[in-house]
Amino acid sequence: MKFYVLTLIALMLIGTACAPEATSTALPQVEAATVTEEIIHTATATAVPATPTLPPPTETFTPIPTETPTQIAYVDSLKAAVTADKLVCRYGPGKNYLYLFGYVSGARLKLIGKAHGNNWVLVENEPQRCWVNAEFLSVEGDLNTLKPMYPDGYTIPVSPYYGGTTVLTAVRKGAEVTVTWTEVLVSPGKYEDENMFPYIVEIWTCIDGEIVFDTLGSTVPFITFTDVGGCAEPSHGRVYVQEKHGYGGPAEIPWP
């Protein structure tokens, strides 16, 4: 038994002496340093500086160009010829003014102005200028180049016998305007003819976005007409008393 134990111990010593030397698995010191450097480098790289907050862009006002009204180069006069068989020349720019005289077809005219808002033009005729409807003319040139002469620039004859009236009321109901005034009785001997109106109402009303000039005649001291409204230029009007020698007034209408 003792021999067996000794033999076993001897074998163990021999095995230990013959075994190869064990290799250390510890990581080299340089690798540990490398890992540490990478960790530090990575942590530094992720520290992104804060991006400054920019203020919201402010709106820049850009002015919208406005349309400049086209300036018309007015002329002193235009030549024209009468195309109707007979064309009446009147004291004012409308069919209800007093009659001065008539032109025959082919008559040559010198036009020196126009009314604002209708197609009547002023004829140079001495000693009394008068108005005709341009619809019955053949005109050499553009009527738009004639200078506006009514209501500014021309005065209708003043009556030596009658003064003006007084507007009493001007009432609007929708697009309808009714005007009343003080009655003025014109003597029958002061009528031009049986068709003459003793009252002439001049109105500049807004129709389809444009100011339209019209001259209305009345035999009674009131009248109703249409004014749609909405034009850039205000509507307006006035009332005259008419007799064969001229006109009394005007009485301005307080526009409703």
Foldseek 3Di string as FASTA:
>chain_A
DVVVVVVVVVVVVVVVVPDDDDDDPDDDPVVVVVVVVVVVVVVVVPPDDDDDDDDPDDDDDDDDDDDDDDDAQADQKWKKFFQDQKWWWALDQADQGATDDIDGGGDMWIFGAAAPAFQKTWTDDPPGITITRCVRMDIDDDNVRHHHCPPNPDDGDADPPDAEWAWDDWDDDQQKIKTFIDDDDDDPVQAPDPPHAQKKKWKFAADPQHTHIHIDGDNHRMDMDGHNDDHPDDIWMWMWGDTNRTIHDTHTHPHD
